[in-house]
PDB file of all heavy atoms in Angstrom:
ATOM      1  N   MET A   1       0.798  -1.225   0.000  1.00  0.00           N
ATOM      2  CA  MET A   1       0.000   0.000   0.000  1.00  0.00           C
ATOM      3  C   MET A   1       0.835   1.282   0.000  1.00  0.00           C
ATOM      4  O   MET A   1       0.394   2.286  -0.531  1.00  0.00           O
ATOM      5  CB  MET A   1      -0.920   0.027   1.218  1.00  0.00           C
ATOM      6  CG  MET A   1      -1.854  -1.138   1.274  1.00  0.00           C
ATOM      7  SD  MET A   1      -2.994  -1.076  -0.069  1.00  0.00           S
ATOM      8  CE  MET A   1      -4.466  -1.609   0.703  1.00  0.00           C
ATOM      9  N   VAL A   2       1.979   1.254   0.631  1.00  0.00           N
ATOM     10  CA  VAL A   2       2.779   2.468   0.797  1.00  0.00           C
ATOM     11  C   VAL A   2       3.996   2.393  -0.120  1.00  0.00           C
ATOM     12  O   VAL A   2       4.730   1.410  -0.121  1.00  0.00           O
ATOM     13  CB  VAL A   2       3.234   2.629   2.269  1.00  0.00           C
ATOM     14  CG1 VAL A   2       4.081   3.866   2.436  1.00  0.00           C
ATOM     15  CG2 VAL A   2       2.030   2.664   3.190  1.00  0.00           C
ATOM     16  N   LYS A   3       4.179   3.455  -0.877  1.00  0.00           N
ATOM     17  CA  LYS A   3       5.340   3.518  -1.765  1.00  0.00           C
ATOM     18  C   LYS A   3       6.564   3.938  -0.962  1.00  0.00           C
ATOM     19  O   LYS A   3       6.467   4.460   0.136  1.00  0.00           O
ATOM     20  CB  LYS A   3       5.080   4.513  -2.888  1.00  0.00           C
ATOM     21  CG  LYS A   3       3.942   4.109  -3.786  1.00  0.00           C
ATOM     22  CD  LYS A   3       3.696   5.140  -4.835  1.00  0.00           C
ATOM     23  CE  LYS A   3       2.502   4.720  -5.676  1.00  0.00           C
ATOM     24  NZ  LYS A   3       2.173   5.717  -6.674  1.00  0.00           N
ATOM     25  N   ASP A   4       7.710   3.721  -1.531  1.00  0.00           N
ATOM     26  CA  ASP A   4       8.989   4.148  -0.958  1.00  0.00           C
ATOM     27  C   ASP A   4       9.357   3.418   0.322  1.00  0.00           C
ATOM     28  O   ASP A   4      10.029   3.969   1.191  1.00  0.00           O
ATOM     29  CB  ASP A   4       9.016   5.659  -0.703  1.00  0.00           C
ATOM     30  CG  ASP A   4       8.788   6.455  -1.979  1.00  0.00           C
ATOM     31  OD1 ASP A   4       9.172   5.953  -3.052  1.00  0.00           O
ATOM     32  OD2 ASP A   4       8.230   7.558  -1.884  1.00  0.00           O
ATOM     33  N   ILE A   5       8.928   2.175   0.463  1.00  0.00           N
ATOM     34  CA  ILE A   5       9.363   1.356   1.604  1.00  0.00           C
ATOM     35  C   ILE A   5      10.427   0.401   1.098  1.00  0.00           C
ATOM     36  O   ILE A   5      10.244  -0.259   0.073  1.00  0.00           O
ATOM     37  CB  ILE A   5       8.188   0.583   2.225  1.00  0.00           C
ATOM     38  CG1 ILE A   5       7.256   1.536   2.952  1.00  0.00           C
ATOM     39  CG2 ILE A   5       8.687  -0.479   3.186  1.00  0.00           C
ATOM     40  CD1 ILE A   5       6.110   0.867   3.660  1.00  0.00           C
ATOM     41  N   ASP A   6      11.524   0.333   1.807  1.00  0.00           N
ATOM     42  CA  ASP A   6      12.625  -0.551   1.435  1.00  0.00           C
ATOM     43  C   ASP A   6      12.214  -2.002   1.689  1.00  0.00           C
ATOM     44  O   ASP A   6      12.024  -2.400   2.846  1.00  0.00           O
ATOM     45  CB  ASP A   6      13.869  -0.189   2.254  1.00  0.00           C
ATOM     46  CG  ASP A   6      15.095  -0.980   1.855  1.00  0.00           C
ATOM     47  OD1 ASP A   6      15.032  -1.693   0.831  1.00  0.00           O
ATOM     48  OD2 ASP A   6      16.110  -0.875   2.559  1.00  0.00           O
ATOM     49  N   PRO A   7      12.070  -2.816   0.644  1.00  0.00           N
ATOM     50  CA  PRO A   7      11.621  -4.203   0.841  1.00  0.00           C
ATOM     51  C   PRO A   7      12.619  -5.054   1.622  1.00  0.00           C
ATOM     52  O   PRO A   7      12.233  -5.983   2.337  1.00  0.00           O
ATOM     53  CB  PRO A   7      11.423  -4.737  -0.574  1.00  0.00           C
ATOM     54  CG  PRO A   7      12.086  -3.791  -1.482  1.00  0.00           C
ATOM     55  CD  PRO A   7      12.234  -2.489  -0.756  1.00  0.00           C
ATOM     56  N   ARG A   8      13.901  -4.730   1.534  1.00  0.00           N
ATOM     57  CA  ARG A   8      14.908  -5.489   2.280  1.00  0.00           C
ATOM     58  C   ARG A   8      14.742  -5.271   3.781  1.00  0.00           C
ATOM     59  O   ARG A   8      14.758  -6.221   4.565  1.00  0.00           O
ATOM     60  CB  ARG A   8      16.312  -5.064   1.832  1.00  0.00           C
ATOM     61  CG  ARG A   8      17.436  -5.869   2.478  1.00  0.00           C
ATOM     62  CD  ARG A   8      18.803  -5.347   2.061  1.00  0.00           C
ATOM     63  NE  ARG A   8      19.016  -3.942   2.339  1.00  0.00           N
ATOM     64  CZ  ARG A   8      19.300  -3.439   3.538  1.00  0.00           C
ATOM     65  NH1 ARG A   8      19.387  -4.218   4.582  1.00  0.00           N
ATOM     66  NH2 ARG A   8      19.485  -2.149   3.703  1.00  0.00           N
ATOM     67  N   LYS A   9      14.544  -4.025   4.168  1.00  0.00           N
ATOM     68  CA  LYS A   9      14.344  -3.724   5.590  1.00  0.00           C
ATOM     69  C   LYS A   9      13.023  -4.300   6.098  1.00  0.00           C
ATOM     70  O   LYS A   9      12.940  -4.765   7.230  1.00  0.00           O
ATOM     71  CB  LYS A   9      14.385  -2.212   5.835  1.00  0.00           C
ATOM     72  CG  LYS A   9      15.773  -1.632   5.693  1.00  0.00           C
ATOM     73  CD  LYS A   9      15.784  -0.163   5.998  1.00  0.00           C
ATOM     74  CE  LYS A   9      17.183   0.408   5.825  1.00  0.00           C
ATOM     75  NZ  LYS A   9      17.221   1.841   6.094  1.00  0.00           N
ATOM     76  N   LEU A  10      12.015  -4.268   5.254  1.00  0.00           N
ATOM     77  CA  LEU A  10      10.727  -4.858   5.638  1.00  0.00           C
ATOM     78  C   LEU A  10      10.874  -6.365   5.824  1.00  0.00           C
ATOM     79  O   LEU A  10      10.297  -6.937   6.748  1.00  0.00           O
ATOM     80  CB  LEU A  10       9.664  -4.540   4.594  1.00  0.00           C
ATOM     81  CG  LEU A  10       8.244  -4.869   4.986  1.00  0.00           C
ATOM     82  CD1 LEU A  10       7.833  -4.053   6.199  1.00  0.00           C
ATOM     83  CD2 LEU A  10       7.313  -4.608   3.840  1.00  0.00           C
ATOM     84  N   GLY A  11      11.650  -7.004   4.981  1.00  0.00           N
ATOM     85  CA  GLY A  11      11.931  -8.433   5.136  1.00  0.00           C
ATOM     86  C   GLY A  11      12.638  -8.728   6.443  1.00  0.00           C
ATOM     87  O   GLY A  11      12.358  -9.741   7.100  1.00  0.00           O
ATOM     88  N   GLU A  12      13.559  -7.845   6.831  1.00  0.00           N
ATOM     89  CA  GLU A  12      14.252  -8.013   8.111  1.00  0.00           C
ATOM     90  C   GLU A  12      13.280  -7.895   9.280  1.00  0.00           C
ATOM     91  O   GLU A  12      13.394  -8.617  10.268  1.00  0.00           O
ATOM     92  CB  GLU A  12      15.370  -6.979   8.244  1.00  0.00           C
ATOM     93  CG  GLU A  12      16.533  -7.201   7.318  1.00  0.00           C
ATOM     94  CD  GLU A  12      17.540  -6.074   7.352  1.00  0.00           C
ATOM     95  OE1 GLU A  12      17.363  -5.109   8.143  1.00  0.00           O
ATOM     96  OE2 GLU A  12      18.510  -6.137   6.574  1.00  0.00           O
ATOM     97  N   ILE A  13      12.322  -6.984   9.164  1.00  0.00           N
ATOM     98  CA  ILE A  13      11.326  -6.814  10.226  1.00  0.00           C
ATOM     99  C   ILE A  13      10.453  -8.062  10.333  1.00  0.00           C
ATOM    100  O   ILE A  13      10.181  -8.554  11.431  1.00  0.00           O
ATOM    101  CB  ILE A  13      10.482  -5.547   9.980  1.00  0.00           C
ATOM    102  CG1 ILE A  13      11.337  -4.298  10.207  1.00  0.00           C
ATOM    103  CG2 ILE A  13       9.257  -5.526  10.879  1.00  0.00           C
ATOM    104  CD1 ILE A  13      10.679  -3.002   9.829  1.00  0.00           C
ATOM    105  N   ILE A  14      10.026  -8.591   9.195  1.00  0.00           N
ATOM    106  CA  ILE A  14       9.199  -9.800   9.215  1.00  0.00           C
ATOM    107  C   ILE A  14       9.994 -10.978   9.780  1.00  0.00           C
ATOM    108  O   ILE A  14       9.463 -11.794  10.535  1.00  0.00           O
ATOM    109  CB  ILE A  14       8.647 -10.094   7.806  1.00  0.00           C
ATOM    110  CG1 ILE A  14       7.651  -9.000   7.421  1.00  0.00           C
ATOM    111  CG2 ILE A  14       7.987 -11.470   7.751  1.00  0.00           C
ATOM    112  CD1 ILE A  14       7.165  -9.057   5.999  1.00  0.00           C
ATOM    113  N   GLU A  15      11.271 -11.038   9.468  1.00  0.00           N
ATOM    114  CA  GLU A  15      12.134 -12.082  10.036  1.00  0.00           C
ATOM    115  C   GLU A  15      12.257 -11.906  11.552  1.00  0.00           C
ATOM    116  O   GLU A  15      12.236 -12.885  12.294  1.00  0.00           O
ATOM    117  CB  GLU A  15      13.515 -12.020   9.387  1.00  0.00           C
ATOM    118  CG  GLU A  15      14.440 -13.115   9.836  1.00  0.00           C
ATOM    119  CD  GLU A  15      15.788 -13.047   9.139  1.00  0.00           C
ATOM    120  OE1 GLU A  15      15.852 -12.551   7.999  1.00  0.00           O
ATOM    121  OE2 GLU A  15      16.776 -13.503   9.737  1.00  0.00           O
ATOM    122  N   HIS A  16      12.347 -10.669  12.006  1.00  0.00           N
ATOM    123  CA  HIS A  16      12.406 -10.383  13.441  1.00  0.00           C
ATOM    124  C   HIS A  16      11.112 -10.832  14.130  1.00  0.00           C
ATOM    125  O   HIS A  16      11.141 -11.390  15.232  1.00  0.00           O
ATOM    126  CB  HIS A  16      12.660  -8.897  13.650  1.00  0.00           C
ATOM    127  CG  HIS A  16      12.978  -8.521  15.058  1.00  0.00           C
ATOM    128  ND1 HIS A  16      13.157  -7.229  15.444  1.00  0.00           N
ATOM    129  CD2 HIS A  16      13.147  -9.242  16.187  1.00  0.00           C
ATOM    130  CE1 HIS A  16      13.406  -7.177  16.731  1.00  0.00           C
ATOM    131  NE2 HIS A  16      13.398  -8.385  17.208  1.00  0.00           N
ATOM    132  N   VAL A  17       9.981 -10.594  13.469  1.00  0.00           N
ATOM    133  CA  VAL A  17       8.689 -11.033  14.013  1.00  0.00           C
ATOM    134  C   VAL A  17       8.646 -12.556  14.108  1.00  0.00           C
ATOM    135  O   VAL A  17       8.195 -13.113  15.111  1.00  0.00           O
ATOM    136  CB  VAL A  17       7.514 -10.501  13.156  1.00  0.00           C
ATOM    137  CG1 VAL A  17       6.204 -11.126  13.581  1.00  0.00           C
ATOM    138  CG2 VAL A  17       7.432  -9.001  13.238  1.00  0.00           C
ATOM    139  N   ALA A  18       9.128 -13.231  13.072  1.00  0.00           N
ATOM    140  CA  ALA A  18       9.144 -14.699  13.080  1.00  0.00           C
ATOM    141  C   ALA A  18      10.040 -15.225  14.206  1.00  0.00           C
ATOM    142  O   ALA A  18       9.670 -16.173  14.916  1.00  0.00           O
ATOM    143  CB  ALA A  18       9.609 -15.231  11.736  1.00  0.00           C
ATOM    144  N   ASN A  19      11.193 -14.616  14.380  1.00  0.00           N
ATOM    145  CA  ASN A  19      12.089 -15.033  15.472  1.00  0.00           C
ATOM    146  C   ASN A  19      11.471 -14.757  16.833  1.00  0.00           C
ATOM    147  O   ASN A  19      11.623 -15.559  17.763  1.00  0.00           O
ATOM    148  CB  ASN A  19      13.440 -14.335  15.351  1.00  0.00           C
ATOM    149  CG  ASN A  19      14.255 -14.862  14.207  1.00  0.00           C
ATOM    150  OD1 ASN A  19      14.103 -16.004  13.787  1.00  0.00           O
ATOM    151  ND2 ASN A  19      15.129 -14.024  13.668  1.00  0.00           N
ATOM    152  N   LEU A  20      10.768 -13.632  16.944  1.00  0.00           N
ATOM    153  CA  LEU A  20      10.081 -13.320  18.197  1.00  0.00           C
ATOM    154  C   LEU A  20       9.052 -14.394  18.513  1.00  0.00           C
ATOM    155  O   LEU A  20       8.962 -14.868  19.646  1.00  0.00           O
ATOM    156  CB  LEU A  20       9.410 -11.951  18.120  1.00  0.00           C
ATOM    157  CG  LEU A  20       8.508 -11.576  19.296  1.00  0.00           C
ATOM    158  CD1 LEU A  20       9.308 -11.454  20.578  1.00  0.00           C
ATOM    159  CD2 LEU A  20       7.765 -10.292  18.998  1.00  0.00           C
ATOM    160  N   GLN A  21       8.277 -14.790  17.516  1.00  0.00           N
ATOM    161  CA  GLN A  21       7.261 -15.818  17.738  1.00  0.00           C
ATOM    162  C   GLN A  21       7.896 -17.147  18.137  1.00  0.00           C
ATOM    163  O   GLN A  21       7.453 -17.783  19.098  1.00  0.00           O
ATOM    164  CB  GLN A  21       6.411 -16.011  16.483  1.00  0.00           C
ATOM    165  CG  GLN A  21       5.368 -17.091  16.642  1.00  0.00           C
ATOM    166  CD  GLN A  21       4.462 -17.213  15.442  1.00  0.00           C
ATOM    167  OE1 GLN A  21       4.285 -16.267  14.699  1.00  0.00           O
ATOM    168  NE2 GLN A  21       3.889 -18.372  15.257  1.00  0.00           N
ATOM    169  N   ILE A  22       8.931 -17.548  17.448  1.00  0.00           N
ATOM    170  CA  ILE A  22       9.588 -18.821  17.766  1.00  0.00           C
ATOM    171  C   ILE A  22      10.130 -18.795  19.187  1.00  0.00           C
ATOM    172  O   ILE A  22       9.911 -19.730  19.967  1.00  0.00           O
ATOM    173  CB  ILE A  22      10.715 -19.102  16.748  1.00  0.00           C
ATOM    174  CG1 ILE A  22      10.111 -19.428  15.384  1.00  0.00           C
ATOM    175  CG2 ILE A  22      11.605 -20.248  17.223  1.00  0.00           C
ATOM    176  CD1 ILE A  22      11.122 -19.434  14.257  1.00  0.00           C
ATOM    177  N   ASN A  23      10.828 -17.734  19.538  1.00  0.00           N
ATOM    178  CA  ASN A  23      11.423 -17.645  20.879  1.00  0.00           C
ATOM    179  C   ASN A  23      10.364 -17.521  21.968  1.00  0.00           C
ATOM    180  O   ASN A  23      10.507 -18.101  23.042  1.00  0.00           O
ATOM    181  CB  ASN A  23      12.408 -16.483  20.952  1.00  0.00           C
ATOM    182  CG  ASN A  23      13.646 -16.739  20.136  1.00  0.00           C
ATOM    183  OD1 ASN A  23      14.050 -17.877  19.936  1.00  0.00           O
ATOM    184  ND2 ASN A  23      14.243 -15.681  19.632  1.00  0.00           N
ATOM    185  N   ALA A  24       9.312 -16.763  21.694  1.00  0.00           N
ATOM    186  CA  ALA A  24       8.257 -16.597  22.698  1.00  0.00           C
ATOM    187  C   ALA A  24       7.528 -17.915  22.941  1.00  0.00           C
ATOM    188  O   ALA A  24       7.240 -18.260  24.096  1.00  0.00           O
ATOM    189  CB  ALA A  24       7.275 -15.520  22.263  1.00  0.00           C
ATOM    190  N   LEU A  25       7.247 -18.658  21.882  1.00  0.00           N
ATOM    191  CA  LEU A  25       6.579 -19.948  22.058  1.00  0.00           C
ATOM    192  C   LEU A  25       7.477 -20.929  22.802  1.00  0.00           C
ATOM    193  O   LEU A  25       7.005 -21.730  23.615  1.00  0.00           O
ATOM    194  CB  LEU A  25       6.163 -20.525  20.704  1.00  0.00           C
ATOM    195  CG  LEU A  25       5.045 -19.779  19.991  1.00  0.00           C
ATOM    196  CD1 LEU A  25       4.830 -20.355  18.603  1.00  0.00           C
ATOM    197  CD2 LEU A  25       3.764 -19.808  20.798  1.00  0.00           C
ATOM    198  N   LYS A  26       8.763 -20.856  22.534  1.00  0.00           N
ATOM    199  CA  LYS A  26       9.710 -21.743  23.204  1.00  0.00           C
ATOM    200  C   LYS A  26       9.840 -21.399  24.684  1.00  0.00           C
ATOM    201  O   LYS A  26       9.972 -22.290  25.526  1.00  0.00           O
ATOM    202  CB  LYS A  26      11.073 -21.639  22.512  1.00  0.00           C
ATOM    203  CG  LYS A  26      12.133 -22.558  23.064  1.00  0.00           C
ATOM    204  CD  LYS A  26      13.407 -22.504  22.242  1.00  0.00           C
ATOM    205  CE  LYS A  26      13.978 -21.115  22.218  1.00  0.00           C
ATOM    206  NZ  LYS A  26      15.278 -21.009  21.551  1.00  0.00           N
ATOM    207  N   ASN A  27       9.763 -20.107  25.002  1.00  0.00           N
ATOM    208  CA  ASN A  27       9.960 -19.657  26.382  1.00  0.00           C
ATOM    209  C   ASN A  27       8.666 -19.493  27.169  1.00  0.00           C
ATOM    210  O   ASN A  27       8.688 -19.018  28.293  1.00  0.00           O
ATOM    211  CB  ASN A  27      10.726 -18.334  26.395  1.00  0.00           C
ATOM    212  CG  ASN A  27      12.123 -18.485  25.859  1.00  0.00           C
ATOM    213  OD1 ASN A  27      12.738 -19.530  25.996  1.00  0.00           O
ATOM    214  ND2 ASN A  27      12.627 -17.454  25.221  1.00  0.00           N
ATOM    215  N   ALA A  28       7.549 -19.896  26.611  1.00  0.00           N
ATOM    216  CA  ALA A  28       6.258 -19.712  27.280  1.00  0.00           C
ATOM    217  C   ALA A  28       5.993 -20.763  28.351  1.00  0.00           C
ATOM    218  O   ALA A  28       5.027 -20.664  29.086  1.00  0.00           O
ATOM    219  CB  ALA A  28       5.127 -19.722  26.261  1.00  0.00           C
ATOM    220  N   SER A  29       6.833 -21.756  28.457  1.00  0.00           N
ATOM    221  CA  SER A  29       6.654 -22.802  29.460  1.00  0.00           C
ATOM    222  C   SER A  29       7.579 -22.538  30.639  1.00  0.00           C
ATOM    223  O   SER A  29       8.774 -22.299  30.466  1.00  0.00           O
ATOM    224  CB  SER A  29       6.977 -24.170  28.865  1.00  0.00           C
ATOM    225  OG  SER A  29       6.103 -24.468  27.823  1.00  0.00           O
ATOM    226  N   PHE A  30       6.997 -22.605  31.831  1.00  0.00           N
ATOM    227  CA  PHE A  30       7.762 -22.383  33.055  1.00  0.00           C
ATOM    228  C   PHE A  30       7.589 -23.597  33.955  1.00  0.00           C
ATOM    229  O   PHE A  30       6.534 -24.227  33.958  1.00  0.00           O
ATOM    230  CB  PHE A  30       7.260 -21.144  33.806  1.00  0.00           C
ATOM    231  CG  PHE A  30       7.195 -19.913  32.954  1.00  0.00           C
ATOM    232  CD1 PHE A  30       5.987 -19.428  32.509  1.00  0.00           C
ATOM    233  CD2 PHE A  30       8.341 -19.251  32.581  1.00  0.00           C
ATOM    234  CE1 PHE A  30       5.908 -18.297  31.724  1.00  0.00           C
ATOM    235  CE2 PHE A  30       8.284 -18.121  31.791  1.00  0.00           C
ATOM    236  CZ  PHE A  30       7.065 -17.642  31.366  1.00  0.00           C
ATOM    237  N   ALA A  31       8.608 -23.896  34.729  1.00  0.00           N
ATOM    238  CA  ALA A  31       8.520 -25.023  35.656  1.00  0.00           C
ATOM    239  C   ALA A  31       8.946 -24.557  37.047  1.00  0.00           C
ATOM    240  O   ALA A  31       9.992 -23.928  37.214  1.00  0.00           O
ATOM    241  CB  ALA A  31       9.418 -26.164  35.199  1.00  0.00           C
ATOM    242  N   PHE A  32       8.130 -24.871  38.023  1.00  0.00           N
ATOM    243  CA  PHE A  32       8.440 -24.565  39.414  1.00  0.00           C
ATOM    244  C   PHE A  32       9.305 -25.708  39.935  1.00  0.00           C
ATOM    245  O   PHE A  32       8.895 -26.864  39.911  1.00  0.00           O
ATOM    246  CB  PHE A  32       7.143 -24.427  40.218  1.00  0.00           C
ATOM    247  CG  PHE A  32       7.337 -23.957  41.632  1.00  0.00           C
ATOM    248  CD1 PHE A  32       8.000 -22.775  41.903  1.00  0.00           C
ATOM    249  CD2 PHE A  32       6.846 -24.694  42.690  1.00  0.00           C
ATOM    250  CE1 PHE A  32       8.170 -22.328  43.201  1.00  0.00           C
ATOM    251  CE2 PHE A  32       7.001 -24.256  43.991  1.00  0.00           C
ATOM    252  CZ  PHE A  32       7.672 -23.070  44.241  1.00  0.00           C
ATOM    253  N   ASP A  33      10.507 -25.394  40.382  1.00  0.00           N
ATOM    254  CA  ASP A  33      11.481 -26.436  40.715  1.00  0.00           C
ATOM    255  C   ASP A  33      11.413 -26.938  42.155  1.00  0.00           C
ATOM    256  O   ASP A  33      12.280 -27.683  42.578  1.00  0.00           O
ATOM    257  CB  ASP A  33      12.890 -25.952  40.399  1.00  0.00           C
ATOM    258  CG  ASP A  33      13.265 -24.689  41.155  1.00  0.00           C
ATOM    259  OD1 ASP A  33      12.368 -24.066  41.743  1.00  0.00           O
ATOM    260  OD2 ASP A  33      14.454 -24.328  41.147  1.00  0.00           O
ATOM    261  N   LYS A  34      10.410 -26.570  42.885  1.00  0.00           N
ATOM    262  CA  LYS A  34      10.252 -27.037  44.271  1.00  0.00           C
ATOM    263  C   LYS A  34       9.150 -28.093  44.330  1.00  0.00           C
ATOM    264  O   LYS A  34       8.299 -28.182  43.458  1.00  0.00           O
ATOM    265  CB  LYS A  34       9.874 -25.873  45.185  1.00  0.00           C
ATOM    266  CG  LYS A  34      10.796 -24.682  45.122  1.00  0.00           C
ATOM    267  CD  LYS A  34      12.046 -24.938  45.873  1.00  0.00           C
ATOM    268  CE  LYS A  34      12.859 -23.640  45.868  1.00  0.00           C
ATOM    269  NZ  LYS A  34      14.162 -23.781  46.360  1.00  0.00           N
ATOM    270  N   THR A  35       9.158 -28.866  45.390  1.00  0.00           N
ATOM    271  CA  THR A  35       8.107 -29.860  45.625  1.00  0.00           C
ATOM    272  C   THR A  35       7.407 -29.516  46.939  1.00  0.00           C
ATOM    273  O   THR A  35       7.963 -28.781  47.773  1.00  0.00           O
ATOM    274  CB  THR A  35       8.686 -31.278  45.718  1.00  0.00           C
ATOM    275  OG1 THR A  35       9.593 -31.341  46.815  1.00  0.00           O
ATOM    276  CG2 THR A  35       9.411 -31.661  44.433  1.00  0.00           C
ATOM    277  N   PRO A  36       6.201 -30.056  47.151  1.00  0.00           N
ATOM    278  CA  PRO A  36       5.491 -29.757  48.405  1.00  0.00           C
ATOM    279  C   PRO A  36       6.276 -30.160  49.648  1.00  0.00           C
ATOM    280  O   PRO A  36       6.139 -29.541  50.703  1.00  0.00           O
ATOM    281  CB  PRO A  36       4.205 -30.565  48.289  1.00  0.00           C
ATOM    282  CG  PRO A  36       3.982 -30.686  46.824  1.00  0.00           C
ATOM    283  CD  PRO A  36       5.348 -30.776  46.216  1.00  0.00           C
ATOM    284  N   SER A  37       7.143 -31.160  49.530  1.00  0.00           N
ATOM    285  CA  SER A  37       7.916 -31.582  50.701  1.00  0.00           C
ATOM    286  C   SER A  37       8.990 -30.565  51.090  1.00  0.00           C
ATOM    287  O   SER A  37       9.540 -30.626  52.197  1.00  0.00           O
ATOM    288  CB  SER A  37       8.562 -32.943  50.445  1.00  0.00           C
ATOM    289  OG  SER A  37       9.461 -32.869  49.353  1.00  0.00           O
ATOM    290  N   ASP A  38       9.304 -29.612  50.209  1.00  0.00           N
ATOM    291  CA  ASP A  38      10.270 -28.564  50.522  1.00  0.00           C
ATOM    292  C   ASP A  38       9.686 -27.480  51.428  1.00  0.00           C
ATOM    293  O   ASP A  38      10.420 -26.636  51.927  1.00  0.00           O
ATOM    294  CB  ASP A  38      10.772 -27.905  49.233  1.00  0.00           C
ATOM    295  CG  ASP A  38      11.590 -28.848  48.377  1.00  0.00           C
ATOM    296  OD1 ASP A  38      12.130 -29.815  48.919  1.00  0.00           O
ATOM    297  OD2 ASP A  38      11.669 -28.604  47.151  1.00  0.00           O
TER     298      ASP A  38
END
């Protein structure tokens, strides 16, 4: 829609978004390392 946008930089942004999604999904799991006996 917008003229004069650098497609290479836009590709880098989309790649950054993809990396953000991959890393966020990978890091969305947390584990509590204690047990009730502690």
